[in-house]
Amino acid sequence: MGSAVRIARETTEQVLIEWGVSRRHPAVDPALLILSELVTNSVQHAAVLSPTVTVIYAAGPDTFSFAVHDRHPYQPLLLSAVTGTDASGLGIVMELTLGLGGTAVIRGDADGQGKSIWITLPL
């Protein structure tokens, strides 16, 4: 698990640098923590059905988005993370995301056998 999180963080840092986002930007450290929590959750909870975790990146002029995708059909409830009834690390994800003025969305795969959790943060 540690290597998956480390690789995801290092890759994300490199993507941000290539897109001209300073490592010192105030959204970078929270984004890396959010990413780490999502990758950790995917590895811990989805690995039996989904041995591969994929991170997808997108950006706009003043936003940075990323998704953590796995092929496990379970879709956690983001609302329960906000209300504090979720103990899987999604509470941290939601607190940081909403605190930065960002959004979190779960998008299921067309075949219903996987999902992506998309985080969009303002830059």
PDB file of N, CA and C in Angstrom:
ATOM      1  N   MET A   1       0.827  -1.195   0.000  1.00  0.00           N
ATOM      2  CA  MET A   1       0.000   0.000   0.000  1.00  0.00           C
ATOM      3  C   MET A   1       0.867   1.252   0.000  1.00  0.00           C
ATOM      4  N   GLY A   2       1.905   1.266   0.833  1.00  0.00           N
ATOM      5  CA  GLY A   2       2.759   2.437   0.927  1.00  0.00           C
ATOM      6  C   GLY A   2       3.362   2.839  -0.401  1.00  0.00           C
ATOM      7  N   SER A   3       3.762   1.850  -1.196  1.00  0.00           N
ATOM      8  CA  SER A   3       4.368   2.184  -2.489  1.00  0.00           C
ATOM      9  C   SER A   3       3.336   2.788  -3.441  1.00  0.00           C
ATOM     10  N   ALA A   4       2.092   2.308  -3.392  1.00  0.00           N
ATOM     11  CA  ALA A   4       1.053   2.878  -4.259  1.00  0.00           C
ATOM     12  C   ALA A   4       0.799   4.333  -3.904  1.00  0.00           C
ATOM     13  N   VAL A   5       0.736   4.623  -2.618  1.00  0.00           N
ATOM     14  CA  VAL A   5       0.504   6.000  -2.173  1.00  0.00           C
ATOM     15  C   VAL A   5       1.692   6.878  -2.558  1.00  0.00           C
ATOM     16  N   ARG A   6       2.896   6.389  -2.316  1.00  0.00           N
ATOM     17  CA  ARG A   6       4.094   7.172  -2.646  1.00  0.00           C
ATOM     18  C   ARG A   6       4.164   7.469  -4.147  1.00  0.00           C
ATOM     19  N   ILE A   7       3.925   6.465  -4.965  1.00  0.00           N
ATOM     20  CA  ILE A   7       3.970   6.663  -6.422  1.00  0.00           C
ATOM     21  C   ILE A   7       2.896   7.657  -6.857  1.00  0.00           C
ATOM     22  N   ALA A   8       1.698   7.538  -6.307  1.00  0.00           N
ATOM     23  CA  ALA A   8       0.616   8.468  -6.662  1.00  0.00           C
ATOM     24  C   ALA A   8       0.974   9.901  -6.267  1.00  0.00           C
ATOM     25  N   ARG A   9       1.531  10.083  -5.072  1.00  0.00           N
ATOM     26  CA  ARG A   9       1.917  11.429  -4.622  1.00  0.00           C
ATOM     27  C   ARG A   9       3.021  12.011  -5.505  1.00  0.00           C
ATOM     28  N   GLU A  10       4.048  11.205  -5.778  1.00  0.00           N
ATOM     29  CA  GLU A  10       5.168  11.689  -6.603  1.00  0.00           C
ATOM     30  C   GLU A  10       4.700  12.041  -8.007  1.00  0.00           C
ATOM     31  N   THR A  11       3.831  11.216  -8.564  1.00  0.00           N
ATOM     32  CA  THR A  11       3.309  11.492  -9.903  1.00  0.00           C
ATOM     33  C   THR A  11       2.475  12.765  -9.898  1.00  0.00           C
ATOM     34  N   THR A  12       1.659  12.942  -8.877  1.00  0.00           N
ATOM     35  CA  THR A  12       0.825  14.136  -8.784  1.00  0.00           C
ATOM     36  C   THR A  12       1.685  15.377  -8.643  1.00  0.00           C
ATOM     37  N   GLU A  13       2.710  15.319  -7.830  1.00  0.00           N
ATOM     38  CA  GLU A  13       3.624  16.460  -7.705  1.00  0.00           C
ATOM     39  C   GLU A  13       4.242  16.808  -9.055  1.00  0.00           C
ATOM     40  N   GLN A  14       4.651  15.783  -9.810  1.00  0.00           N
ATOM     41  CA  GLN A  14       5.253  16.010 -11.121  1.00  0.00           C
ATOM     42  C   GLN A  14       4.239  16.624 -12.092  1.00  0.00           C
ATOM     43  N   VAL A  15       3.008  16.133 -12.077  1.00  0.00           N
ATOM     44  CA  VAL A  15       1.956  16.685 -12.943  1.00  0.00           C
ATOM     45  C   VAL A  15       1.740  18.164 -12.617  1.00  0.00           C
ATOM     46  N   LEU A  16       1.642  18.491 -11.342  1.00  0.00           N
ATOM     47  CA  LEU A  16       1.426  19.889 -10.949  1.00  0.00           C
ATOM     48  C   LEU A  16       2.584  20.779 -11.396  1.00  0.00           C
ATOM     49  N   ILE A  17       3.814  20.295 -11.233  1.00  0.00           N
ATOM     50  CA  ILE A  17       4.981  21.057 -11.676  1.00  0.00           C
ATOM     51  C   ILE A  17       4.919  21.287 -13.187  1.00  0.00           C
ATOM     52  N   GLU A  18       4.598  20.220 -13.940  1.00  0.00           N
ATOM     53  CA  GLU A  18       4.526  20.353 -15.397  1.00  0.00           C
ATOM     54  C   GLU A  18       3.431  21.323 -15.822  1.00  0.00           C
ATOM     55  N   TRP A  19       2.367  21.437 -15.029  1.00  0.00           N
ATOM     56  CA  TRP A  19       1.280  22.361 -15.342  1.00  0.00           C
ATOM     57  C   TRP A  19       1.505  23.753 -14.761  1.00  0.00           C
ATOM     58  N   GLY A  20       2.689  23.968 -14.171  1.00  0.00           N
ATOM     59  CA  GLY A  20       3.037  25.299 -13.687  1.00  0.00           C
ATOM     60  C   GLY A  20       2.456  25.673 -12.335  1.00  0.00           C
ATOM     61  N   VAL A  21       2.036  24.691 -11.557  1.00  0.00           N
ATOM     62  CA  VAL A  21       1.503  24.967 -10.223  1.00  0.00           C
ATOM     63  C   VAL A  21       2.659  24.840  -9.232  1.00  0.00           C
ATOM     64  N   SER A  22       2.916  25.902  -8.491  1.00  0.00           N
ATOM     65  CA  SER A  22       4.015  25.917  -7.532  1.00  0.00           C
ATOM     66  C   SER A  22       3.772  24.903  -6.425  1.00  0.00           C
ATOM     67  N   ARG A  23       4.835  24.242  -6.011  1.00  0.00           N
ATOM     68  CA  ARG A  23       4.746  23.289  -4.892  1.00  0.00           C
ATOM     69  C   ARG A  23       4.298  24.001  -3.617  1.00  0.00           C
ATOM     70  N   ARG A  24       4.511  25.325  -3.569  1.00  0.00           N
ATOM     71  CA  ARG A  24       4.135  26.110  -2.397  1.00  0.00           C
ATOM     72  C   ARG A  24       2.705  26.640  -2.464  1.00  0.00           C
ATOM     73  N   HIS A  25       1.989  26.356  -3.543  1.00  0.00           N
ATOM     74  CA  HIS A  25       0.596  26.808  -3.635  1.00  0.00           C
ATOM     75  C   HIS A  25      -0.180  26.215  -2.466  1.00  0.00           C
ATOM     76  N   PRO A  26      -1.057  26.991  -1.824  1.00  0.00           N
ATOM     77  CA  PRO A  26      -1.754  26.502  -0.629  1.00  0.00           C
ATOM     78  C   PRO A  26      -2.670  25.295  -0.851  1.00  0.00           C
ATOM     79  N   ALA A  27      -3.032  24.985  -2.079  1.00  0.00           N
ATOM     80  CA  ALA A  27      -3.900  23.826  -2.337  1.00  0.00           C
ATOM     81  C   ALA A  27      -3.106  22.537  -2.544  1.00  0.00           C
ATOM     82  N   VAL A  28      -1.796  22.632  -2.734  1.00  0.00           N
ATOM     83  CA  VAL A  28      -1.012  21.444  -3.094  1.00  0.00           C
ATOM     84  C   VAL A  28      -0.936  20.434  -1.952  1.00  0.00           C
ATOM     85  N   ASP A  29      -0.546  20.854  -0.758  1.00  0.00           N
ATOM     86  CA  ASP A  29      -0.442  19.892   0.346  1.00  0.00           C
ATOM     87  C   ASP A  29      -1.785  19.234   0.665  1.00  0.00           C
ATOM     88  N   PRO A  30      -2.887  20.010   0.756  1.00  0.00           N
ATOM     89  CA  PRO A  30      -4.182  19.344   0.968  1.00  0.00           C
ATOM     90  C   PRO A  30      -4.545  18.398  -0.177  1.00  0.00           C
ATOM     91  N   ALA A  31      -4.240  18.778  -1.415  1.00  0.00           N
ATOM     92  CA  ALA A  31      -4.539  17.899  -2.555  1.00  0.00           C
ATOM     93  C   ALA A  31      -3.779  16.583  -2.431  1.00  0.00           C
ATOM     94  N   LEU A  32      -2.523  16.650  -2.012  1.00  0.00           N
ATOM     95  CA  LEU A  32      -1.719  15.436  -1.861  1.00  0.00           C
ATOM     96  C   LEU A  32      -2.243  14.563  -0.719  1.00  0.00           C
ATOM     97  N   LEU A  33      -2.727  15.190   0.345  1.00  0.00           N
ATOM     98  CA  LEU A  33      -3.308  14.418   1.442  1.00  0.00           C
ATOM     99  C   LEU A  33      -4.623  13.755   1.005  1.00  0.00           C
ATOM    100  N   ILE A  34      -5.457  14.495   0.286  1.00  0.00           N
ATOM    101  CA  ILE A  34      -6.707  13.935  -0.242  1.00  0.00           C
ATOM    102  C   ILE A  34      -6.398  12.735  -1.140  1.00  0.00           C
ATOM    103  N   LEU A  35      -5.474  12.926  -2.054  1.00  0.00           N
ATOM    104  CA  LEU A  35      -5.069  11.844  -2.960  1.00  0.00           C
ATOM    105  C   LEU A  35      -4.585  10.629  -2.171  1.00  0.00           C
ATOM    106  N   SER A  36      -3.750  10.859  -1.171  1.00  0.00           N
ATOM    107  CA  SER A  36      -3.219   9.766  -0.361  1.00  0.00           C
ATOM    108  C   SER A  36      -4.338   8.988   0.321  1.00  0.00           C
ATOM    109  N   GLU A  37      -5.319   9.690   0.872  1.00  0.00           N
ATOM    110  CA  GLU A  37      -6.447   9.031   1.534  1.00  0.00           C
ATOM    111  C   GLU A  37      -7.255   8.195   0.539  1.00  0.00           C
ATOM    112  N   LEU A  38      -7.502   8.751  -0.648  1.00  0.00           N
ATOM    113  CA  LEU A  38      -8.295   8.021  -1.639  1.00  0.00           C
ATOM    114  C   LEU A  38      -7.566   6.785  -2.151  1.00  0.00           C
ATOM    115  N   VAL A  39      -6.272   6.907  -2.403  1.00  0.00           N
ATOM    116  CA  VAL A  39      -5.504   5.746  -2.861  1.00  0.00           C
ATOM    117  C   VAL A  39      -5.440   4.697  -1.749  1.00  0.00           C
ATOM    118  N   THR A  40      -5.212   5.128  -0.516  1.00  0.00           N
ATOM    119  CA  THR A  40      -5.184   4.201   0.614  1.00  0.00           C
ATOM    120  C   THR A  40      -6.506   3.452   0.726  1.00  0.00           C
ATOM    121  N   ASN A  41      -7.617   4.183   0.648  1.00  0.00           N
ATOM    122  CA  ASN A  41      -8.931   3.541   0.724  1.00  0.00           C
ATOM    123  C   ASN A  41      -9.114   2.524  -0.391  1.00  0.00           C
ATOM    124  N   SER A  42      -8.724   2.897  -1.589  1.00  0.00           N
ATOM    125  CA  SER A  42      -8.887   1.998  -2.715  1.00  0.00           C
ATOM    126  C   SER A  42      -8.059   0.727  -2.521  1.00  0.00           C
ATOM    127  N   VAL A  43      -6.826   0.882  -2.085  1.00  0.00           N
ATOM    128  CA  VAL A  43      -5.959  -0.278  -1.874  1.00  0.00           C
ATOM    129  C   VAL A  43      -6.514  -1.150  -0.747  1.00  0.00           C
ATOM    130  N   GLN A  44      -6.963  -0.532   0.336  1.00  0.00           N
ATOM    131  CA  GLN A  44      -7.452  -1.307   1.485  1.00  0.00           C
ATOM    132  C   GLN A  44      -8.788  -1.987   1.218  1.00  0.00           C
ATOM    133  N   HIS A  45      -9.692  -1.292   0.545  1.00  0.00           N
ATOM    134  CA  HIS A  45     -11.059  -1.790   0.450  1.00  0.00           C
ATOM    135  C   HIS A  45     -11.426  -2.417  -0.893  1.00  0.00           C
ATOM    136  N   ALA A  46     -10.676  -2.122  -1.946  1.00  0.00           N
ATOM    137  CA  ALA A  46     -11.065  -2.608  -3.269  1.00  0.00           C
ATOM    138  C   ALA A  46     -10.099  -3.615  -3.867  1.00  0.00           C
ATOM    139  N   ALA A  47      -8.979  -3.848  -3.214  1.00  0.00           N
ATOM    140  CA  ALA A  47      -7.914  -4.655  -3.812  1.00  0.00           C
ATOM    141  C   ALA A  47      -8.340  -6.070  -4.179  1.00  0.00           C
ATOM    142  N   VAL A  48      -9.264  -6.654  -3.427  1.00  0.00           N
ATOM    143  CA  VAL A  48      -9.687  -8.030  -3.718  1.00  0.00           C
ATOM    144  C   VAL A  48     -10.293  -8.121  -5.113  1.00  0.00           C
ATOM    145  N   LEU A  49     -11.130  -7.154  -5.461  1.00  0.00           N
ATOM    146  CA  LEU A  49     -11.769  -7.163  -6.780  1.00  0.00           C
ATOM    147  C   LEU A  49     -11.043  -6.297  -7.799  1.00  0.00           C
ATOM    148  N   SER A  50     -10.185  -5.407  -7.313  1.00  0.00           N
ATOM    149  CA  SER A  50      -9.528  -4.456  -8.211  1.00  0.00           C
ATOM    150  C   SER A  50      -8.066  -4.292  -7.806  1.00  0.00           C
ATOM    151  N   PRO A  51      -7.188  -5.140  -8.328  1.00  0.00           N
ATOM    152  CA  PRO A  51      -5.784  -5.040  -7.938  1.00  0.00           C
ATOM    153  C   PRO A  51      -5.074  -3.802  -8.508  1.00  0.00           C
ATOM    154  N   THR A  52      -5.734  -3.084  -9.408  1.00  0.00           N
ATOM    155  CA  THR A  52      -5.141  -1.898 -10.015  1.00  0.00           C
ATOM    156  C   THR A  52      -5.920  -0.655  -9.603  1.00  0.00           C
ATOM    157  N   VAL A  53      -5.189   0.378  -9.231  1.00  0.00           N
ATOM    158  CA  VAL A  53      -5.761   1.693  -8.931  1.00  0.00           C
ATOM    159  C   VAL A  53      -5.191   2.657  -9.955  1.00  0.00           C
ATOM    160  N   THR A  54      -6.053   3.484 -10.522  1.00  0.00           N
ATOM    161  CA  THR A  54      -5.629   4.452 -11.527  1.00  0.00           C
ATOM    162  C   THR A  54      -5.920   5.856 -11.031  1.00  0.00           C
ATOM    163  N   VAL A  55      -4.987   6.772 -11.246  1.00  0.00           N
ATOM    164  CA  VAL A  55      -5.208   8.178 -10.933  1.00  0.00           C
ATOM    165  C   VAL A  55      -5.278   8.930 -12.253  1.00  0.00           C
ATOM    166  N   ILE A  56      -6.320   9.756 -12.385  1.00  0.00           N
ATOM    167  CA  ILE A  56      -6.579  10.518 -13.608  1.00  0.00           C
ATOM    168  C   ILE A  56      -6.498  11.997 -13.248  1.00  0.00           C
ATOM    169  N   TYR A  57      -5.914  12.797 -14.134  1.00  0.00           N
ATOM    170  CA  TYR A  57      -5.740  14.219 -13.858  1.00  0.00           C
ATOM    171  C   TYR A  57      -6.416  15.067 -14.931  1.00  0.00           C
ATOM    172  N   ALA A  58      -6.900  16.231 -14.522  1.00  0.00           N
ATOM    173  CA  ALA A  58      -7.438  17.221 -15.449  1.00  0.00           C
ATOM    174  C   ALA A  58      -7.216  18.589 -14.810  1.00  0.00           C
ATOM    175  N   ALA A  59      -7.143  19.610 -15.640  1.00  0.00           N
ATOM    176  CA  ALA A  59      -6.945  20.959 -15.102  1.00  0.00           C
ATOM    177  C   ALA A  59      -7.605  21.975 -16.012  1.00  0.00           C
ATOM    178  N   GLY A  60      -7.987  23.069 -15.417  1.00  0.00           N
ATOM    179  CA  GLY A  60      -8.498  24.218 -16.142  1.00  0.00           C
ATOM    180  C   GLY A  60      -7.651  25.411 -15.760  1.00  0.00           C
ATOM    181  N   PRO A  61      -8.033  26.605 -16.221  1.00  0.00           N
ATOM    182  CA  PRO A  61      -7.224  27.797 -15.929  1.00  0.00           C
ATOM    183  C   PRO A  61      -7.038  28.046 -14.433  1.00  0.00           C
ATOM    184  N   ASP A  62      -8.046  27.711 -13.626  1.00  0.00           N
ATOM    185  CA  ASP A  62      -7.926  27.965 -12.193  1.00  0.00           C
ATOM    186  C   ASP A  62      -8.479  26.815 -11.353  1.00  0.00           C
ATOM    187  N   THR A  63      -8.425  25.597 -11.918  1.00  0.00           N
ATOM    188  CA  THR A  63      -8.837  24.416 -11.163  1.00  0.00           C
ATOM    189  C   THR A  63      -7.896  23.256 -11.447  1.00  0.00           C
ATOM    190  N   PHE A  64      -7.825  22.376 -10.481  1.00  0.00           N
ATOM    191  CA  PHE A  64      -7.075  21.127 -10.611  1.00  0.00           C
ATOM    192  C   PHE A  64      -8.009  20.016 -10.190  1.00  0.00           C
ATOM    193  N   SER A  65      -8.159  19.011 -11.048  1.00  0.00           N
ATOM    194  CA  SER A  65      -9.024  17.873 -10.738  1.00  0.00           C
ATOM    195  C   SER A  65      -8.226  16.589 -10.850  1.00  0.00           C
ATOM    196  N   PHE A  66      -8.593  15.650  -9.996  1.00  0.00           N
ATOM    197  CA  PHE A  66      -8.010  14.319 -10.112  1.00  0.00           C
ATOM    198  C   PHE A  66      -9.039  13.311  -9.644  1.00  0.00           C
ATOM    199  N   ALA A  67      -8.879  12.106 -10.136  1.00  0.00           N
ATOM    200  CA  ALA A  67      -9.780  11.025  -9.750  1.00  0.00           C
ATOM    201  C   ALA A  67      -8.957   9.802  -9.404  1.00  0.00           C
ATOM    202  N   VAL A  68      -9.454   9.054  -8.429  1.00  0.00           N
ATOM    203  CA  VAL A  68      -8.887   7.756  -8.111  1.00  0.00           C
ATOM    204  C   VAL A  68      -9.927   6.730  -8.540  1.00  0.00           C
ATOM    205  N   HIS A  69      -9.510   5.835  -9.433  1.00  0.00           N
ATOM    206  CA  HIS A  69     -10.426   4.865 -10.026  1.00  0.00           C
ATOM    207  C   HIS A  69     -10.023   3.450  -9.636  1.00  0.00           C
ATOM    208  N   ASP A  70     -11.036   2.647  -9.294  1.00  0.00           N
ATOM    209  CA  ASP A  70     -10.827   1.215  -9.109  1.00  0.00           C
ATOM    210  C   ASP A  70     -12.030   0.478  -9.687  1.00  0.00           C
ATOM    211  N   ARG A  71     -11.911  -0.834  -9.785  1.00  0.00           N
ATOM    212  CA  ARG A  71     -12.968  -1.655 -10.396  1.00  0.00           C
ATOM    213  C   ARG A  71     -13.803  -2.391  -9.354  1.00  0.00           C
ATOM    214  N   HIS A  72     -13.895  -1.842  -8.168  1.00  0.00           N
ATOM    215  CA  HIS A  72     -14.777  -2.410  -7.150  1.00  0.00           C
ATOM    216  C   HIS A  72     -16.123  -1.694  -7.262  1.00  0.00           C
ATOM    217  N   PRO A  73     -17.233  -2.426  -7.238  1.00  0.00           N
ATOM    218  CA  PRO A  73     -18.539  -1.795  -7.465  1.00  0.00           C
ATOM    219  C   PRO A  73     -19.052  -0.931  -6.306  1.00  0.00           C
ATOM    220  N   TYR A  74     -18.536  -1.116  -5.094  1.00  0.00           N
ATOM    221  CA  TYR A  74     -19.050  -0.356  -3.951  1.00  0.00           C
ATOM    222  C   TYR A  74     -18.755   1.132  -4.128  1.00  0.00           C
ATOM    223  N   GLN A  75     -19.785   1.938  -3.923  1.00  0.00           N
ATOM    224  CA  GLN A  75     -19.631   3.389  -3.978  1.00  0.00           C
ATOM    225  C   GLN A  75     -19.948   3.965  -2.604  1.00  0.00           C
ATOM    226  N   PRO A  76     -18.928   4.479  -1.900  1.00  0.00           N
ATOM    227  CA  PRO A  76     -19.174   5.037  -0.571  1.00  0.00           C
ATOM    228  C   PRO A  76     -20.055   6.280  -0.663  1.00  0.00           C
ATOM    229  N   LEU A  77     -20.738   6.556   0.413  1.00  0.00           N
ATOM    230  CA  LEU A  77     -21.592   7.737   0.458  1.00  0.00           C
ATOM    231  C   LEU A  77     -20.774   8.926   0.951  1.00  0.00           C
ATOM    232  N   LEU A  78     -20.593   9.901   0.088  1.00  0.00           N
ATOM    233  CA  LEU A  78     -19.816  11.075   0.475  1.00  0.00           C
ATOM    234  C   LEU A  78     -20.540  11.873   1.550  1.00  0.00           C
ATOM    235  N   LEU A  79     -21.865  11.859   1.541  1.00  0.00           N
ATOM    236  CA  LEU A  79     -22.622  12.598   2.543  1.00  0.00           C
ATOM    237  C   LEU A  79     -22.339  12.071   3.943  1.00  0.00           C
ATOM    238  N   SER A  80     -22.228  10.754   4.103  1.00  0.00           N
ATOM    239  CA  SER A  80     -21.939  10.206   5.431  1.00  0.00           C
ATOM    240  C   SER A  80     -20.547  10.628   5.895  1.00  0.00           C
ATOM    241  N   ALA A  81     -19.644  10.872   4.948  1.00  0.00           N
ATOM    242  CA  ALA A  81     -18.314  11.345   5.312  1.00  0.00           C
ATOM    243  C   ALA A  81     -18.393  12.762   5.870  1.00  0.00           C
ATOM    244  N   VAL A  82     -19.274  13.568   5.309  1.00  0.00           N
ATOM    245  CA  VAL A  82     -19.438  14.946   5.767  1.00  0.00           C
ATOM    246  C   VAL A  82     -20.071  14.977   7.154  1.00  0.00           C
ATOM    247  N   THR A  83     -21.005  14.084   7.417  1.00  0.00           N
ATOM    248  CA  THR A  83     -21.704  14.073   8.695  1.00  0.00           C
ATOM    249  C   THR A  83     -20.923  13.366   9.789  1.00  0.00           C
ATOM    250  N   GLY A  84     -19.787  12.796   9.443  1.00  0.00           N
ATOM    251  CA  GLY A  84     -18.938  12.187  10.444  1.00  0.00           C
ATOM    252  C   GLY A  84     -19.249  10.736  10.758  1.00  0.00           C
ATOM    253  N   THR A  85     -20.086  10.086   9.959  1.00  0.00           N
ATOM    254  CA  THR A  85     -20.419   8.685  10.229  1.00  0.00           C
ATOM    255  C   THR A  85     -19.583   7.725   9.398  1.00  0.00           C
ATOM    256  N   ASP A  86     -18.623   8.221   8.647  1.00  0.00           N
ATOM    257  CA  ASP A  86     -17.769   7.369   7.809  1.00  0.00           C
ATOM    258  C   ASP A  86     -16.376   7.329   8.423  1.00  0.00           C
ATOM    259  N   ALA A  87     -15.859   6.138   8.649  1.00  0.00           N
ATOM    260  CA  ALA A  87     -14.564   5.993   9.309  1.00  0.00           C
ATOM    261  C   ALA A  87     -13.459   5.569   8.344  1.00  0.00           C
ATOM    262  N   SER A  88     -13.657   5.710   7.038  1.00  0.00           N
ATOM    263  CA  SER A  88     -12.683   5.194   6.079  1.00  0.00           C
ATOM    264  C   SER A  88     -11.689   6.232   5.582  1.00  0.00           C
ATOM    265  N   GLY A  89     -11.619   7.378   6.180  1.00  0.00           N
ATOM    266  CA  GLY A  89     -10.735   8.426   5.696  1.00  0.00           C
ATOM    267  C   GLY A  89     -11.449   9.404   4.791  1.00  0.00           C
ATOM    268  N   LEU A  90     -12.662   9.076   4.376  1.00  0.00           N
ATOM    269  CA  LEU A  90     -13.400  10.005   3.519  1.00  0.00           C
ATOM    270  C   LEU A  90     -13.807  11.273   4.265  1.00  0.00           C
ATOM    271  N   GLY A  91     -13.910  11.193   5.588  1.00  0.00           N
ATOM    272  CA  GLY A  91     -14.194  12.398   6.365  1.00  0.00           C
ATOM    273  C   GLY A  91     -13.111  13.441   6.171  1.00  0.00           C
ATOM    274  N   ILE A  92     -11.859  13.000   6.202  1.00  0.00           N
ATOM    275  CA  ILE A  92     -10.727  13.903   5.968  1.00  0.00           C
ATOM    276  C   ILE A  92     -10.780  14.452   4.547  1.00  0.00           C
ATOM    277  N   VAL A  93     -11.056  13.560   3.590  1.00  0.00           N
ATOM    278  CA  VAL A  93     -11.151  13.967   2.188  1.00  0.00           C
ATOM    279  C   VAL A  93     -12.196  15.059   2.025  1.00  0.00           C
ATOM    280  N   MET A  94     -13.382  14.829   2.588  1.00  0.00           N
ATOM    281  CA  MET A  94     -14.467  15.789   2.420  1.00  0.00           C
ATOM    282  C   MET A  94     -14.194  17.091   3.168  1.00  0.00           C
ATOM    283  N   GLU A  95     -13.644  17.006   4.363  1.00  0.00           N
ATOM    284  CA  GLU A  95     -13.334  18.215   5.129  1.00  0.00           C
ATOM    285  C   GLU A  95     -12.336  19.091   4.385  1.00  0.00           C
ATOM    286  N   LEU A  96     -11.280  18.483   3.882  1.00  0.00           N
ATOM    287  CA  LEU A  96     -10.272  19.250   3.145  1.00  0.00           C
ATOM    288  C   LEU A  96     -10.835  19.798   1.837  1.00  0.00           C
ATOM    289  N   THR A  97     -11.551  18.956   1.100  1.00  0.00           N
ATOM    290  CA  THR A  97     -12.100  19.372  -0.192  1.00  0.00           C
ATOM    291  C   THR A  97     -13.058  20.541  -0.015  1.00  0.00           C
ATOM    292  N   LEU A  98     -14.013  20.401   0.879  1.00  0.00           N
ATOM    293  CA  LEU A  98     -14.997  21.470   1.087  1.00  0.00           C
ATOM    294  C   LEU A  98     -14.344  22.703   1.701  1.00  0.00           C
ATOM    295  N   GLY A  99     -13.356  22.508   2.576  1.00  0.00           N
ATOM    296  CA  GLY A  99     -12.650  23.628   3.177  1.00  0.00           C
ATOM    297  C   GLY A  99     -11.901  24.479   2.165  1.00  0.00           C
ATOM    298  N   LEU A 100     -11.480  23.865   1.073  1.00  0.00           N
ATOM    299  CA  LEU A 100     -10.788  24.589   0.001  1.00  0.00           C
ATOM    300  C   LEU A 100     -11.754  25.145  -1.044  1.00  0.00           C
ATOM    301  N   GLY A 101     -13.059  24.902  -0.844  1.00  0.00           N
ATOM    302  CA  GLY A 101     -14.039  25.354  -1.829  1.00  0.00           C
ATOM    303  C   GLY A 101     -14.132  24.425  -3.021  1.00  0.00           C
ATOM    304  N   GLY A 102     -13.731  23.182  -2.847  1.00  0.00           N
ATOM    305  CA  GLY A 102     -13.740  22.212  -3.931  1.00  0.00           C
ATOM    306  C   GLY A 102     -14.980  21.345  -3.922  1.00  0.00           C
ATOM    307  N   THR A 103     -14.991  20.386  -4.828  1.00  0.00           N
ATOM    308  CA  THR A 103     -16.110  19.448  -4.932  1.00  0.00           C
ATOM    309  C   THR A 103     -15.576  18.027  -4.993  1.00  0.00           C
ATOM    310  N   ALA A 104     -16.434  17.097  -4.584  1.00  0.00           N
ATOM    311  CA  ALA A 104     -16.128  15.668  -4.663  1.00  0.00           C
ATOM    312  C   ALA A 104     -17.344  14.973  -5.262  1.00  0.00           C
ATOM    313  N   VAL A 105     -17.098  14.128  -6.255  1.00  0.00           N
ATOM    314  CA  VAL A 105     -18.169  13.432  -6.954  1.00  0.00           C
ATOM    315  C   VAL A 105     -17.731  11.994  -7.204  1.00  0.00           C
ATOM    316  N   ILE A 106     -18.653  11.062  -7.035  1.00  0.00           N
ATOM    317  CA  ILE A 106     -18.374   9.670  -7.407  1.00  0.00           C
ATOM    318  C   ILE A 106     -19.069   9.401  -8.736  1.00  0.00           C
ATOM    319  N   ARG A 107     -18.310   8.882  -9.692  1.00  0.00           N
ATOM    320  CA  ARG A 107     -18.866   8.516 -10.989  1.00  0.00           C
ATOM    321  C   ARG A 107     -18.663   7.025 -11.187  1.00  0.00           C
ATOM    322  N   GLY A 108     -19.767   6.310 -11.343  1.00  0.00           N
ATOM    323  CA  GLY A 108     -19.688   4.881 -11.571  1.00  0.00           C
ATOM    324  C   GLY A 108     -19.306   4.562 -13.001  1.00  0.00           C
ATOM    325  N   ASP A 109     -18.631   3.437 -13.189  1.00  0.00           N
ATOM    326  CA  ASP A 109     -18.320   2.958 -14.533  1.00  0.00           C
ATOM    327  C   ASP A 109     -19.623   2.552 -15.229  1.00  0.00           C
ATOM    328  N   ALA A 110     -19.637   2.604 -16.525  1.00  0.00           N
ATOM    329  CA  ALA A 110     -20.849   2.287 -17.303  1.00  0.00           C
ATOM    330  C   ALA A 110     -21.361   0.878 -17.022  1.00  0.00           C
ATOM    331  N   ASP A 111     -20.455  -0.046 -16.728  1.00  0.00           N
ATOM    332  CA  ASP A 111     -20.888  -1.427 -16.485  1.00  0.00           C
ATOM    333  C   ASP A 111     -21.249  -1.684 -15.016  1.00  0.00           C
ATOM    334  N   GLY A 112     -21.159  -0.653 -14.167  1.00  0.00           N
ATOM    335  CA  GLY A 112     -21.516  -0.795 -12.765  1.00  0.00           C
ATOM    336  C   GLY A 112     -20.495  -1.534 -11.924  1.00  0.00           C
ATOM    337  N   GLN A 113     -19.345  -1.840 -12.486  1.00  0.00           N
ATOM    338  CA  GLN A 113     -18.350  -2.654 -11.783  1.00  0.00           C
ATOM    339  C   GLN A 113     -17.138  -1.869 -11.302  1.00  0.00           C
ATOM    340  N   GLY A 114     -17.234  -0.559 -11.257  1.00  0.00           N
ATOM    341  CA  GLY A 114     -16.119   0.256 -10.783  1.00  0.00           C
ATOM    342  C   GLY A 114     -16.582   1.680 -10.602  1.00  0.00           C
ATOM    343  N   LYS A 115     -15.681   2.507 -10.078  1.00  0.00           N
ATOM    344  CA  LYS A 115     -16.038   3.905  -9.889  1.00  0.00           C
ATOM    345  C   LYS A 115     -14.773   4.753  -9.823  1.00  0.00           C
ATOM    346  N   SER A 116     -14.998   6.047 -10.016  1.00  0.00           N
ATOM    347  CA  SER A 116     -13.957   7.051  -9.845  1.00  0.00           C
ATOM    348  C   SER A 116     -14.469   8.066  -8.843  1.00  0.00           C
ATOM    349  N   ILE A 117     -13.623   8.455  -7.917  1.00  0.00           N
ATOM    350  CA  ILE A 117     -13.945   9.559  -7.026  1.00  0.00           C
ATOM    351  C   ILE A 117     -13.149  10.759  -7.532  1.00  0.00           C
ATOM    352  N   TRP A 118     -13.898  11.753  -8.040  1.00  0.00           N
ATOM    353  CA  TRP A 118     -13.319  12.955  -8.626  1.00  0.00           C
ATOM    354  C   TRP A 118     -13.287  14.066  -7.592  1.00  0.00           C
ATOM    355  N   ILE A 119     -12.130  14.698  -7.471  1.00  0.00           N
ATOM    356  CA  ILE A 119     -11.937  15.860  -6.608  1.00  0.00           C
ATOM    357  C   ILE A 119     -11.554  17.025  -7.506  1.00  0.00           C
ATOM    358  N   THR A 120     -12.250  18.150  -7.354  1.00  0.00           N
ATOM    359  CA  THR A 120     -11.903  19.367  -8.087  1.00  0.00           C
ATOM    360  C   THR A 120     -11.626  20.463  -7.069  1.00  0.00           C
ATOM    361  N   LEU A 121     -10.452  21.061  -7.200  1.00  0.00           N
ATOM    362  CA  LEU A 121     -10.030  22.099  -6.261  1.00  0.00           C
ATOM    363  C   LEU A 121      -9.704  23.388  -7.008  1.00  0.00           C
ATOM    364  N   PRO A 122     -10.093  24.531  -6.450  1.00  0.00           N
ATOM    365  CA  PRO A 122      -9.701  25.798  -7.073  1.00  0.00           C
ATOM    366  C   PRO A 122      -8.211  26.063  -6.857  1.00  0.00           C
ATOM    367  N   LEU A 123      -7.612  26.696  -7.829  1.00  0.00           N
ATOM    368  CA  LEU A 123      -6.198  27.096  -7.707  1.00  0.00           C
ATOM    369  C   LEU A 123      -6.089  28.605  -7.657  1.00  0.00           C
TER     370      LEU A 123
END
